[in-house]
Amino acid sequence: MSEKKTVTVKLVRSVIGTRHDHRDTVRGLGLRRLNSVAVLEDTPAVRGMINKVSYLIQVI
């Protein structure tokens, strides 16, 4: 069995002033405060969340 693919994301812009559903998406990615980093499984659902808030996060 191969290792599961992962993607690492970092919150680089503040969620202040953004839409509530975008804030919820950032929280769903496991990001709490500025510069927080999360390692997530690379699934289509996670990719969609990343695309939705791509202006707030950076994929490392």
PDB file of N, CA and C in Angstrom:
ATOM      1  N   MET A   1       0.840  -1.185   0.000  1.00  0.00           N
ATOM      2  CA  MET A   1       0.000   0.000   0.000  1.00  0.00           C
ATOM      3  C   MET A   1       0.883   1.245   0.000  1.00  0.00           C
ATOM      4  N   SER A   2       0.477   2.212  -0.771  1.00  0.00           N
ATOM      5  CA  SER A   2       1.255   3.447  -0.847  1.00  0.00           C
ATOM      6  C   SER A   2       0.797   4.417   0.241  1.00  0.00           C
ATOM      7  N   GLU A   3       1.684   5.360   0.536  1.00  0.00           N
ATOM      8  CA  GLU A   3       1.369   6.365   1.529  1.00  0.00           C
ATOM      9  C   GLU A   3       0.319   7.315   0.982  1.00  0.00           C
ATOM     10  N   LYS A   4      -0.550   7.825   1.852  1.00  0.00           N
ATOM     11  CA  LYS A   4      -1.583   8.759   1.400  1.00  0.00           C
ATOM     12  C   LYS A   4      -0.930  10.097   1.055  1.00  0.00           C
ATOM     13  N   LYS A   5      -1.415  10.700  -0.008  1.00  0.00           N
ATOM     14  CA  LYS A   5      -0.909  12.004  -0.422  1.00  0.00           C
ATOM     15  C   LYS A   5      -1.433  13.071   0.529  1.00  0.00           C
ATOM     16  N   THR A   6      -0.580  14.057   0.811  1.00  0.00           N
ATOM     17  CA  THR A   6      -0.991  15.148   1.686  1.00  0.00           C
ATOM     18  C   THR A   6      -0.700  16.480   1.016  1.00  0.00           C
ATOM     19  N   VAL A   7      -1.369  17.500   1.507  1.00  0.00           N
ATOM     20  CA  VAL A   7      -1.144  18.863   1.056  1.00  0.00           C
ATOM     21  C   VAL A   7      -1.032  19.731   2.311  1.00  0.00           C
ATOM     22  N   THR A   8      -0.076  20.655   2.309  1.00  0.00           N
ATOM     23  CA  THR A   8       0.153  21.532   3.451  1.00  0.00           C
ATOM     24  C   THR A   8      -0.311  22.932   3.100  1.00  0.00           C
ATOM     25  N   VAL A   9      -1.160  23.511   3.951  1.00  0.00           N
ATOM     26  CA  VAL A   9      -1.675  24.856   3.711  1.00  0.00           C
ATOM     27  C   VAL A   9      -1.339  25.761   4.887  1.00  0.00           C
ATOM     28  N   LYS A  10      -1.161  27.047   4.588  1.00  0.00           N
ATOM     29  CA  LYS A  10      -0.814  28.046   5.597  1.00  0.00           C
ATOM     30  C   LYS A  10      -1.710  29.259   5.400  1.00  0.00           C
ATOM     31  N   LEU A  11      -2.274  29.786   6.494  1.00  0.00           N
ATOM     32  CA  LEU A  11      -3.116  30.974   6.435  1.00  0.00           C
ATOM     33  C   LEU A  11      -2.222  32.206   6.384  1.00  0.00           C
ATOM     34  N   VAL A  12      -2.263  32.948   5.278  1.00  0.00           N
ATOM     35  CA  VAL A  12      -1.362  34.089   5.112  1.00  0.00           C
ATOM     36  C   VAL A  12      -2.082  35.435   5.113  1.00  0.00           C
ATOM     37  N   ARG A  13      -3.427  35.419   5.030  1.00  0.00           N
ATOM     38  CA  ARG A  13      -4.195  36.662   5.125  1.00  0.00           C
ATOM     39  C   ARG A  13      -5.274  36.503   6.173  1.00  0.00           C
ATOM     40  N   SER A  14      -5.625  37.589   6.819  1.00  0.00           N
ATOM     41  CA  SER A  14      -6.609  37.562   7.886  1.00  0.00           C
ATOM     42  C   SER A  14      -8.008  37.295   7.329  1.00  0.00           C
ATOM     43  N   VAL A  15      -8.833  36.634   8.132  1.00  0.00           N
ATOM     44  CA  VAL A  15     -10.213  36.363   7.729  1.00  0.00           C
ATOM     45  C   VAL A  15     -11.150  37.500   8.121  1.00  0.00           C
ATOM     46  N   ILE A  16     -10.614  38.537   8.774  1.00  0.00           N
ATOM     47  CA  ILE A  16     -11.436  39.689   9.146  1.00  0.00           C
ATOM     48  C   ILE A  16     -11.954  40.356   7.874  1.00  0.00           C
ATOM     49  N   GLY A  17     -13.241  40.582   7.822  1.00  0.00           N
ATOM     50  CA  GLY A  17     -13.856  41.245   6.674  1.00  0.00           C
ATOM     51  C   GLY A  17     -14.215  40.322   5.536  1.00  0.00           C
ATOM     52  N   THR A  18     -14.003  39.023   5.701  1.00  0.00           N
ATOM     53  CA  THR A  18     -14.358  38.075   4.646  1.00  0.00           C
ATOM     54  C   THR A  18     -15.750  37.512   4.904  1.00  0.00           C
ATOM     55  N   ARG A  19     -16.266  36.804   3.913  1.00  0.00           N
ATOM     56  CA  ARG A  19     -17.593  36.210   4.028  1.00  0.00           C
ATOM     57  C   ARG A  19     -17.585  35.111   5.092  1.00  0.00           C
ATOM     58  N   HIS A  20     -18.744  34.931   5.722  1.00  0.00           N
ATOM     59  CA  HIS A  20     -18.842  33.939   6.795  1.00  0.00           C
ATOM     60  C   HIS A  20     -18.574  32.530   6.290  1.00  0.00           C
ATOM     61  N   ASP A  21     -19.037  32.219   5.081  1.00  0.00           N
ATOM     62  CA  ASP A  21     -18.799  30.863   4.578  1.00  0.00           C
ATOM     63  C   ASP A  21     -17.320  30.648   4.274  1.00  0.00           C
ATOM     64  N   HIS A  22     -16.595  31.707   3.931  1.00  0.00           N
ATOM     65  CA  HIS A  22     -15.156  31.579   3.710  1.00  0.00           C
ATOM     66  C   HIS A  22     -14.430  31.392   5.039  1.00  0.00           C
ATOM     67  N   ARG A  23     -14.893  32.083   6.071  1.00  0.00           N
ATOM     68  CA  ARG A  23     -14.309  31.889   7.407  1.00  0.00           C
ATOM     69  C   ARG A  23     -14.517  30.451   7.866  1.00  0.00           C
ATOM     70  N   ASP A  24     -15.723  29.927   7.632  1.00  0.00           N
ATOM     71  CA  ASP A  24     -16.026  28.546   8.018  1.00  0.00           C
ATOM     72  C   ASP A  24     -15.154  27.565   7.240  1.00  0.00           C
ATOM     73  N   THR A  25     -14.884  27.865   5.977  1.00  0.00           N
ATOM     74  CA  THR A  25     -14.041  26.998   5.161  1.00  0.00           C
ATOM     75  C   THR A  25     -12.609  26.985   5.691  1.00  0.00           C
ATOM     76  N   VAL A  26     -12.084  28.163   6.035  1.00  0.00           N
ATOM     77  CA  VAL A  26     -10.732  28.250   6.605  1.00  0.00           C
ATOM     78  C   VAL A  26     -10.673  27.447   7.896  1.00  0.00           C
ATOM     79  N   ARG A  27     -11.700  27.568   8.721  1.00  0.00           N
ATOM     80  CA  ARG A  27     -11.753  26.825   9.979  1.00  0.00           C
ATOM     81  C   ARG A  27     -11.841  25.328   9.711  1.00  0.00           C
ATOM     82  N   GLY A  28     -12.582  24.959   8.668  1.00  0.00           N
ATOM     83  CA  GLY A  28     -12.712  23.561   8.295  1.00  0.00           C
ATOM     84  C   GLY A  28     -11.405  22.962   7.809  1.00  0.00           C
ATOM     85  N   LEU A  29     -10.535  23.794   7.285  1.00  0.00           N
ATOM     86  CA  LEU A  29      -9.207  23.334   6.868  1.00  0.00           C
ATOM     87  C   LEU A  29      -8.271  23.169   8.060  1.00  0.00           C
ATOM     88  N   GLY A  30      -8.726  23.558   9.248  1.00  0.00           N
ATOM     89  CA  GLY A  30      -7.910  23.392  10.443  1.00  0.00           C
ATOM     90  C   GLY A  30      -7.005  24.574  10.721  1.00  0.00           C
ATOM     91  N   LEU A  31      -7.289  25.711  10.103  1.00  0.00           N
ATOM     92  CA  LEU A  31      -6.464  26.903  10.294  1.00  0.00           C
ATOM     93  C   LEU A  31      -7.165  27.837  11.267  1.00  0.00           C
ATOM     94  N   ARG A  32      -6.451  28.247  12.315  1.00  0.00           N
ATOM     95  CA  ARG A  32      -7.057  29.085  13.344  1.00  0.00           C
ATOM     96  C   ARG A  32      -6.619  30.542  13.237  1.00  0.00           C
ATOM     97  N   ARG A  33      -5.326  30.772  13.314  1.00  0.00           N
ATOM     98  CA  ARG A  33      -4.838  32.154  13.307  1.00  0.00           C
ATOM     99  C   ARG A  33      -3.832  32.333  12.180  1.00  0.00           C
ATOM    100  N   LEU A  34      -3.436  33.569  11.962  1.00  0.00           N
ATOM    101  CA  LEU A  34      -2.498  33.909  10.909  1.00  0.00           C
ATOM    102  C   LEU A  34      -1.219  33.080  11.043  1.00  0.00           C
ATOM    103  N   ASN A  35      -0.702  32.616   9.934  1.00  0.00           N
ATOM    104  CA  ASN A  35       0.514  31.804   9.841  1.00  0.00           C
ATOM    105  C   ASN A  35       0.366  30.399  10.418  1.00  0.00           C
ATOM    106  N   SER A  36      -0.865  29.981  10.737  1.00  0.00           N
ATOM    107  CA  SER A  36      -1.038  28.603  11.194  1.00  0.00           C
ATOM    108  C   SER A  36      -0.957  27.675   9.984  1.00  0.00           C
ATOM    109  N   VAL A  37      -0.463  26.466  10.218  1.00  0.00           N
ATOM    110  CA  VAL A  37      -0.209  25.502   9.153  1.00  0.00           C
ATOM    111  C   VAL A  37      -0.986  24.233   9.445  1.00  0.00           C
ATOM    112  N   ALA A  38      -1.543  23.627   8.395  1.00  0.00           N
ATOM    113  CA  ALA A  38      -2.252  22.361   8.543  1.00  0.00           C
ATOM    114  C   ALA A  38      -1.807  21.418   7.437  1.00  0.00           C
ATOM    115  N   VAL A  39      -1.614  20.153   7.791  1.00  0.00           N
ATOM    116  CA  VAL A  39      -1.289  19.105   6.824  1.00  0.00           C
ATOM    117  C   VAL A  39      -2.554  18.278   6.638  1.00  0.00           C
ATOM    118  N   LEU A  40      -3.068  18.256   5.404  1.00  0.00           N
ATOM    119  CA  LEU A  40      -4.344  17.623   5.120  1.00  0.00           C
ATOM    120  C   LEU A  40      -4.187  16.536   4.074  1.00  0.00           C
ATOM    121  N   GLU A  41      -5.113  15.591   4.081  1.00  0.00           N
ATOM    122  CA  GLU A  41      -5.139  14.556   3.059  1.00  0.00           C
ATOM    123  C   GLU A  41      -5.583  15.193   1.737  1.00  0.00           C
ATOM    124  N   ASP A  42      -4.954  14.817   0.658  1.00  0.00           N
ATOM    125  CA  ASP A  42      -5.234  15.405  -0.654  1.00  0.00           C
ATOM    126  C   ASP A  42      -6.438  14.713  -1.282  1.00  0.00           C
ATOM    127  N   THR A  43      -7.633  15.272  -1.008  1.00  0.00           N
ATOM    128  CA  THR A  43      -8.868  14.729  -1.560  1.00  0.00           C
ATOM    129  C   THR A  43      -9.549  15.806  -2.395  1.00  0.00           C
ATOM    130  N   PRO A  44     -10.493  15.415  -3.250  1.00  0.00           N
ATOM    131  CA  PRO A  44     -11.218  16.425  -4.036  1.00  0.00           C
ATOM    132  C   PRO A  44     -11.948  17.447  -3.151  1.00  0.00           C
ATOM    133  N   ALA A  45     -12.471  17.018  -2.017  1.00  0.00           N
ATOM    134  CA  ALA A  45     -13.170  17.939  -1.121  1.00  0.00           C
ATOM    135  C   ALA A  45     -12.211  18.992  -0.568  1.00  0.00           C
ATOM    136  N   VAL A  46     -11.032  18.557  -0.152  1.00  0.00           N
ATOM    137  CA  VAL A  46     -10.036  19.492   0.379  1.00  0.00           C
ATOM    138  C   VAL A  46      -9.556  20.427  -0.723  1.00  0.00           C
ATOM    139  N   ARG A  47      -9.364  19.893  -1.927  1.00  0.00           N
ATOM    140  CA  ARG A  47      -8.961  20.742  -3.062  1.00  0.00           C
ATOM    141  C   ARG A  47      -9.997  21.824  -3.331  1.00  0.00           C
ATOM    142  N   GLY A  48     -11.273  21.474  -3.243  1.00  0.00           N
ATOM    143  CA  GLY A  48     -12.344  22.454  -3.442  1.00  0.00           C
ATOM    144  C   GLY A  48     -12.327  23.538  -2.387  1.00  0.00           C
ATOM    145  N   MET A  49     -12.072  23.147  -1.150  1.00  0.00           N
ATOM    146  CA  MET A  49     -11.991  24.130  -0.065  1.00  0.00           C
ATOM    147  C   MET A  49     -10.806  25.065  -0.277  1.00  0.00           C
ATOM    148  N   ILE A  50      -9.684  24.500  -0.723  1.00  0.00           N
ATOM    149  CA  ILE A  50      -8.498  25.313  -0.994  1.00  0.00           C
ATOM    150  C   ILE A  50      -8.780  26.309  -2.114  1.00  0.00           C
ATOM    151  N   ASN A  51      -9.452  25.861  -3.171  1.00  0.00           N
ATOM    152  CA  ASN A  51      -9.785  26.762  -4.280  1.00  0.00           C
ATOM    153  C   ASN A  51     -10.716  27.882  -3.836  1.00  0.00           C
ATOM    154  N   LYS A  52     -11.632  27.574  -2.943  1.00  0.00           N
ATOM    155  CA  LYS A  52     -12.614  28.559  -2.482  1.00  0.00           C
ATOM    156  C   LYS A  52     -11.951  29.716  -1.746  1.00  0.00           C
ATOM    157  N   VAL A  53     -10.954  29.422  -0.937  1.00  0.00           N
ATOM    158  CA  VAL A  53     -10.302  30.468  -0.125  1.00  0.00           C
ATOM    159  C   VAL A  53      -8.846  30.653  -0.532  1.00  0.00           C
ATOM    160  N   SER A  54      -8.548  30.469  -1.810  1.00  0.00           N
ATOM    161  CA  SER A  54      -7.165  30.535  -2.288  1.00  0.00           C
ATOM    162  C   SER A  54      -6.531  31.910  -2.073  1.00  0.00           C
ATOM    163  N   TYR A  55      -7.351  32.953  -1.953  1.00  0.00           N
ATOM    164  CA  TYR A  55      -6.813  34.296  -1.745  1.00  0.00           C
ATOM    165  C   TYR A  55      -6.381  34.521  -0.296  1.00  0.00           C
ATOM    166  N   LEU A  56      -6.708  33.594   0.592  1.00  0.00           N
ATOM    167  CA  LEU A  56      -6.333  33.720   2.002  1.00  0.00           C
ATOM    168  C   LEU A  56      -5.204  32.804   2.411  1.00  0.00           C
ATOM    169  N   ILE A  57      -4.987  31.741   1.647  1.00  0.00           N
ATOM    170  CA  ILE A  57      -4.032  30.710   2.065  1.00  0.00           C
ATOM    171  C   ILE A  57      -2.924  30.534   1.043  1.00  0.00           C
ATOM    172  N   GLN A  58      -1.898  29.827   1.476  1.00  0.00           N
ATOM    173  CA  GLN A  58      -0.771  29.479   0.612  1.00  0.00           C
ATOM    174  C   GLN A  58      -0.557  27.982   0.726  1.00  0.00           C
ATOM    175  N   VAL A  59      -0.417  27.302  -0.410  1.00  0.00           N
ATOM    176  CA  VAL A  59      -0.131  25.875  -0.410  1.00  0.00           C
ATOM    177  C   VAL A  59       1.378  25.714  -0.417  1.00  0.00           C
ATOM    178  N   ILE A  60       1.878  25.025   0.592  1.00  0.00           N
ATOM    179  CA  ILE A  60       3.330  24.862   0.746  1.00  0.00           C
ATOM    180  C   ILE A  60       3.759  23.546   0.108  1.00  0.00           C
TER     181      ILE A  60
END
